[in-house]
Amino acid sequence: MKPPVPNTPAAELSCEVCGLMPEPPKARLTLANVAVMLPIELLVHALVVETHLPYVAKVLVLTLTATVLVIWVAEPSAARMLRGWLHAPALRHRRKLGAAPALWRARTVLRDEPGSLQKVTQALARSGTNILSIHVHPVADGVLDEFVLSAPGHLGERGILDALHDGGGTRSHVWPTTALAMADGQTRALSLAARIADAPDELPLAVAELLRARILTPAAALEKDDAGTRLKIPTAWHGPIIFARPGEPFTPAESARAHRLAELAEILSHQRTAPAARSTR
């Protein structure tokens, strides 16, 4: 078992690649150097002044000694002894960032019975997590609740999964997300519908953006899928399009939105090709 990493400025701020600390503020670095150099300078002066060397020799000795001590003793000592004070502003900023709320998307399956949603929301509240949006989708063995959550910075994926489990959720999944998740599925679908209305050929890319999925090649589409992470959209004018989203099954609502976009693209494509066909007669 590895010993715990000490909670020191070096452990919190040093670069994981090169191990270097960030540059401290100039004012703090100057004060730290003065605090370390002043006793050394006084001691060297006191020792040299008491000697019977000529004046020029004393100046040379003081200059060389002070220079060597500053370079090899004072600055390294200041950086080591006063490390916490030197990097205090950066540490405060780092800890504020670490404690800032983070956005997550979460899905969990609940029993379709009164009180089940209240139980999971109470469990999330006990962990300090705020529910920003919620969508409920009926599934075969209950309801699939999809959340956008704002959780404390110290609460990671494991903490959110534990809260969902404590609230009675099963088959839970959690993913980091951004503020774009606050745009609900309907708004996103309408925006992409306007894009398809202008260019029906954009259907595959628009659906992939809507579902946050990737388009499968014909060869990859032949592989078996038992987790519901693939979605097939048949189109008469384009052929079937298959999308994949590993680890994140598609919901019935997402499937319905994608099929409606495909119908829109097919209607618009037919309307545009019909006049062209008539004009060639």
Protein backbone atom coordinates (compact mmCIF):
# COMPACT_ATOMS: atom_id res chain seq x y z
CA MET A 1 0.00 0.00 0.00
CA LYS A 2 1.39 3.38 -1.03
CA PRO A 3 1.80 5.99 1.71
CA PRO A 4 -0.54 8.99 1.40
CA VAL A 5 0.82 11.95 -0.51
CA PRO A 6 1.57 14.76 1.95
CA ASN A 7 -0.63 17.84 1.65
CA THR A 8 2.22 20.28 0.98
CA PRO A 9 2.62 23.11 -1.52
CA ALA A 10 5.03 20.93 -3.51
CA ALA A 11 2.51 18.09 -3.67
CA GLU A 12 -0.37 20.37 -4.66
CA LEU A 13 1.35 22.72 -7.12
CA SER A 14 4.35 20.94 -8.63
CA CYS A 15 4.04 19.95 -12.29
CA GLU A 16 3.31 16.24 -12.79
CA VAL A 17 5.70 16.14 -15.78
CA CYS A 18 8.75 18.20 -14.78
CA GLY A 19 8.18 18.53 -11.01
CA LEU A 20 8.76 22.30 -11.05
CA MET A 21 6.77 24.73 -8.92
CA PRO A 22 5.07 27.78 -10.46
CA GLU A 23 6.90 31.12 -10.32
CA PRO A 24 6.02 32.87 -7.03
CA PRO A 25 5.01 36.56 -6.96
CA LYS A 26 8.04 38.85 -7.36
CA ALA A 27 7.32 40.83 -4.18
CA ARG A 28 7.12 37.71 -2.02
CA LEU A 29 10.27 36.27 -3.59
CA THR A 30 12.17 39.50 -2.89
CA LEU A 31 11.05 39.63 0.75
CA ALA A 32 11.96 35.95 1.23
CA ASN A 33 15.46 36.49 -0.22
CA VAL A 34 16.03 39.55 1.98
CA ALA A 35 14.89 37.63 5.06
CA VAL A 36 17.40 34.84 4.36
CA MET A 37 20.27 36.99 3.03
CA LEU A 38 20.28 39.66 5.75
CA PRO A 39 21.56 37.40 8.57
CA ILE A 40 24.18 35.92 6.23
CA GLU A 41 25.38 39.36 5.11
CA LEU A 42 25.63 40.60 8.68
CA LEU A 43 27.59 37.53 9.76
CA VAL A 44 30.05 37.79 6.83
CA HIS A 45 30.60 41.50 7.42
CA ALA A 46 31.21 40.96 11.11
CA LEU A 47 33.81 38.28 10.41
CA VAL A 48 35.64 40.17 7.66
CA VAL A 49 35.71 43.54 9.38
CA GLU A 50 37.56 42.04 12.36
CA THR A 51 40.38 40.79 10.12
CA HIS A 52 43.57 42.82 9.42
CA LEU A 53 43.32 42.59 5.64
CA PRO A 54 43.79 45.66 3.44
CA TYR A 55 40.64 47.59 2.58
CA VAL A 56 40.57 46.41 -1.06
CA ALA A 57 41.02 42.80 0.03
CA LYS A 58 38.14 43.15 2.50
CA VAL A 59 35.88 44.48 -0.28
CA LEU A 60 36.83 41.61 -2.59
CA VAL A 61 36.29 39.00 0.13
CA LEU A 62 32.91 40.49 1.08
CA THR A 63 31.78 40.67 -2.56
CA LEU A 64 32.83 37.14 -3.47
CA THR A 65 31.54 35.61 -0.23
CA ALA A 66 28.20 37.39 -0.41
CA THR A 67 27.73 36.44 -4.07
CA VAL A 68 28.47 32.76 -3.45
CA LEU A 69 26.25 32.64 -0.36
CA VAL A 70 23.35 34.34 -2.16
CA ILE A 71 23.52 32.01 -5.16
CA TRP A 72 24.17 28.73 -3.36
CA VAL A 73 22.63 29.27 0.08
CA ALA A 74 20.21 32.19 0.34
CA GLU A 75 17.92 31.68 -2.66
CA PRO A 76 17.62 27.85 -2.31
CA SER A 77 17.04 28.25 1.44
CA ALA A 78 14.34 30.85 0.85
CA ALA A 79 12.62 28.65 -1.71
CA ARG A 80 12.74 25.65 0.64
CA MET A 81 12.07 27.22 4.05
CA LEU A 82 9.39 29.70 2.97
CA ARG A 83 7.77 27.57 0.26
CA GLY A 84 4.29 27.67 1.78
CA TRP A 85 4.36 31.46 2.16
CA LEU A 86 5.87 32.04 -1.29
CA HIS A 87 3.17 30.03 -3.06
CA ALA A 88 0.25 30.93 -0.80
CA PRO A 89 -1.62 32.97 -3.49
CA ALA A 90 -1.33 30.15 -6.03
CA LEU A 91 -2.43 27.61 -3.42
CA ARG A 92 -5.51 29.65 -2.51
CA HIS A 93 -6.43 29.95 -6.20
CA ARG A 94 -5.87 26.22 -6.76
CA ARG A 95 -8.03 25.27 -3.79
CA LYS A 96 -10.83 27.58 -4.91
CA LEU A 97 -10.79 25.92 -8.32
CA GLY A 98 -10.76 22.49 -6.70
CA ALA A 99 -13.78 23.34 -4.56
CA ALA A 100 -15.76 24.89 -7.44
CA PRO A 101 -18.90 22.98 -8.48
CA ALA A 102 -18.56 20.62 -11.44
CA LEU A 103 -21.24 19.69 -13.97
CA TRP A 104 -22.19 16.06 -14.52
CA ARG A 105 -24.71 14.10 -16.56
CA ALA A 106 -26.16 11.07 -14.83
CA ARG A 107 -28.62 8.31 -15.66
CA THR A 108 -30.21 5.80 -13.35
CA VAL A 109 -33.13 3.36 -13.51
CA LEU A 110 -35.78 3.68 -10.79
CA ARG A 111 -38.89 1.72 -9.95
CA ASP A 112 -42.01 3.18 -11.51
CA GLU A 113 -43.75 3.82 -8.21
CA PRO A 114 -44.61 6.85 -6.03
CA GLY A 115 -41.72 8.24 -3.98
CA SER A 116 -38.88 6.74 -6.01
CA LEU A 117 -37.87 10.06 -7.57
CA GLN A 118 -38.10 11.83 -4.21
CA LYS A 119 -35.81 9.25 -2.64
CA VAL A 120 -33.05 9.69 -5.22
CA THR A 121 -33.29 13.50 -5.15
CA GLN A 122 -32.95 13.44 -1.36
CA ALA A 123 -29.87 11.22 -1.64
CA LEU A 124 -28.30 13.65 -4.11
CA ALA A 125 -29.15 16.58 -1.85
CA ARG A 126 -27.42 14.92 1.12
CA SER A 127 -24.22 14.75 -0.94
CA GLY A 128 -24.48 18.48 -1.70
CA THR A 129 -25.46 17.89 -5.33
CA ASN A 130 -27.89 20.26 -7.03
CA ILE A 131 -30.23 18.98 -9.75
CA LEU A 132 -30.25 21.43 -12.68
CA SER A 133 -32.50 19.45 -15.02
CA ILE A 134 -34.23 16.11 -15.13
CA HIS A 135 -35.85 14.06 -17.90
CA VAL A 136 -37.83 10.89 -17.26
CA HIS A 137 -38.04 8.14 -19.89
CA PRO A 138 -40.21 5.02 -19.50
CA VAL A 139 -38.32 1.74 -19.95
CA ALA A 140 -39.30 -1.91 -19.71
CA ASP A 141 -38.53 -2.40 -16.02
CA GLY A 142 -39.18 1.07 -14.57
CA VAL A 143 -38.21 4.61 -15.51
CA LEU A 144 -34.88 5.97 -16.69
CA ASP A 145 -34.13 9.30 -15.05
CA GLU A 146 -31.57 11.52 -16.77
CA PHE A 147 -30.07 14.37 -14.72
CA VAL A 148 -27.79 17.34 -15.24
CA LEU A 149 -26.11 17.84 -11.86
CA SER A 150 -23.96 20.50 -10.21
CA ALA A 151 -21.80 18.71 -7.63
CA PRO A 152 -19.14 20.01 -5.21
CA GLY A 153 -15.62 19.89 -6.62
CA HIS A 154 -14.50 17.25 -4.11
CA LEU A 155 -17.34 14.90 -5.10
CA GLY A 156 -16.23 12.82 -8.06
CA GLU A 157 -17.90 10.20 -10.19
CA ARG A 158 -17.76 7.60 -7.42
CA GLY A 159 -19.53 9.89 -4.96
CA ILE A 160 -22.39 10.62 -7.37
CA LEU A 161 -22.79 6.93 -8.20
CA ASP A 162 -22.97 6.13 -4.47
CA ALA A 163 -25.67 8.79 -3.99
CA LEU A 164 -27.72 7.38 -6.87
CA HIS A 165 -27.36 3.86 -5.42
CA ASP A 166 -28.42 5.08 -1.97
CA GLY A 167 -31.48 6.64 -3.59
CA GLY A 168 -32.58 3.32 -5.07
CA GLY A 169 -31.10 3.75 -8.55
CA THR A 170 -29.73 0.84 -10.56
CA ARG A 171 -27.59 0.59 -13.71
CA SER A 172 -26.36 4.12 -13.05
CA HIS A 173 -23.90 5.97 -15.28
CA VAL A 174 -22.19 9.33 -14.73
CA TRP A 175 -20.27 11.50 -17.23
CA PRO A 176 -18.59 14.91 -16.90
CA THR A 177 -20.35 17.55 -18.97
CA THR A 178 -20.39 21.28 -19.71
CA ALA A 179 -22.94 24.09 -19.61
CA LEU A 180 -24.08 23.00 -23.10
CA ALA A 181 -25.93 20.15 -21.38
CA MET A 182 -28.37 22.74 -20.05
CA ALA A 183 -29.75 23.08 -23.56
CA ASP A 184 -32.49 20.45 -23.42
CA GLY A 185 -32.92 17.82 -26.09
CA GLN A 186 -35.92 19.56 -27.64
CA THR A 187 -34.03 22.83 -28.10
CA ARG A 188 -31.06 21.01 -29.60
CA ALA A 189 -33.35 19.08 -31.95
CA LEU A 190 -35.08 22.24 -33.16
CA SER A 191 -31.74 23.93 -33.86
CA LEU A 192 -30.57 20.91 -35.85
CA ALA A 193 -33.92 20.73 -37.68
CA ALA A 194 -33.28 24.25 -38.98
CA ARG A 195 -29.85 23.07 -40.15
CA ILE A 196 -31.39 20.09 -41.98
CA ALA A 197 -34.06 22.32 -43.54
CA ASP A 198 -31.26 24.26 -45.20
CA ALA A 199 -29.25 21.18 -46.20
CA PRO A 200 -30.96 17.73 -45.91
CA ASP A 201 -27.65 15.99 -46.66
CA GLU A 202 -26.49 17.17 -43.24
CA LEU A 203 -28.76 14.55 -41.60
CA PRO A 204 -26.03 12.05 -40.53
CA LEU A 205 -23.86 14.77 -38.97
CA ALA A 206 -26.85 16.50 -37.36
CA VAL A 207 -28.10 13.30 -35.73
CA ALA A 208 -24.58 12.45 -34.56
CA GLU A 209 -24.37 15.89 -32.93
CA LEU A 210 -27.84 15.54 -31.41
CA LEU A 211 -27.02 12.18 -29.85
CA ARG A 212 -23.34 12.87 -29.14
CA ALA A 213 -22.62 9.69 -31.08
CA ARG A 214 -20.46 8.59 -34.00
CA ILE A 215 -21.55 7.28 -37.38
CA LEU A 216 -20.61 3.64 -37.95
CA THR A 217 -19.13 2.39 -41.17
CA PRO A 218 -20.98 -0.50 -42.92
CA ALA A 219 -18.33 -2.97 -41.74
CA ALA A 220 -18.50 -1.85 -38.10
CA ALA A 221 -22.30 -1.89 -38.22
CA LEU A 222 -22.26 -5.68 -38.70
CA GLU A 223 -20.92 -6.23 -35.18
CA LYS A 224 -23.40 -7.40 -32.56
CA ASP A 225 -24.71 -4.92 -29.99
CA ASP A 226 -26.47 -6.13 -26.83
CA ALA A 227 -26.16 -2.98 -24.73
CA GLY A 228 -28.49 -0.64 -26.62
CA THR A 229 -25.59 1.61 -27.54
CA ARG A 230 -26.42 1.56 -31.26
CA LEU A 231 -29.25 3.24 -33.09
CA LYS A 232 -30.35 2.50 -36.66
CA ILE A 233 -32.30 5.10 -38.62
CA PRO A 234 -33.78 3.83 -41.90
CA THR A 235 -34.12 6.36 -44.72
CA ALA A 236 -35.55 5.68 -48.20
CA TRP A 237 -33.34 8.22 -49.93
CA HIS A 238 -30.07 7.77 -48.02
CA GLY A 239 -30.13 4.18 -46.83
CA PRO A 240 -29.94 3.10 -43.17
CA ILE A 241 -27.64 5.12 -40.92
CA ILE A 242 -26.26 3.51 -37.78
CA PHE A 243 -24.94 5.47 -34.81
CA ALA A 244 -22.92 4.22 -31.85
CA ARG A 245 -22.39 5.64 -28.37
CA PRO A 246 -20.35 3.12 -26.34
CA GLY A 247 -21.20 2.95 -22.66
CA GLU A 248 -24.26 5.20 -22.97
CA PRO A 249 -27.46 3.53 -24.20
CA PHE A 250 -29.89 5.55 -26.31
CA THR A 251 -33.17 6.52 -24.66
CA PRO A 252 -36.57 6.15 -26.40
CA ALA A 253 -36.88 9.96 -26.54
CA GLU A 254 -33.51 10.27 -28.28
CA SER A 255 -34.50 7.59 -30.80
CA ALA A 256 -37.78 9.39 -31.53
CA ARG A 257 -36.04 12.74 -32.09
CA ALA A 258 -33.51 11.17 -34.45
CA HIS A 259 -36.25 9.46 -36.49
CA ARG A 260 -38.22 12.71 -36.78
CA LEU A 261 -35.12 14.47 -38.10
CA ALA A 262 -34.71 11.68 -40.66
CA GLU A 263 -38.35 12.12 -41.76
CA LEU A 264 -37.83 15.87 -42.10
CA ALA A 265 -34.71 15.39 -44.23
CA GLU A 266 -36.53 12.85 -46.45
CA ILE A 267 -39.52 15.16 -47.01
CA LEU A 268 -37.32 18.14 -47.84
CA SER A 269 -35.11 16.08 -50.14
CA HIS A 270 -38.17 14.78 -52.01
CA GLN A 271 -39.62 18.30 -52.37
CA ARG A 272 -36.36 19.54 -53.88
CA THR A 273 -35.93 16.68 -56.34
CA ALA A 274 -39.57 16.67 -57.55
CA PRO A 275 -39.40 20.04 -59.43
CA ALA A 276 -36.10 19.03 -60.98
CA ALA A 277 -37.64 15.76 -62.22
CA ARG A 278 -40.63 17.60 -63.72
CA SER A 279 -38.42 20.08 -65.53
CA THR A 280 -36.55 17.31 -67.35
CA ARG A 281 -39.73 15.91 -68.91
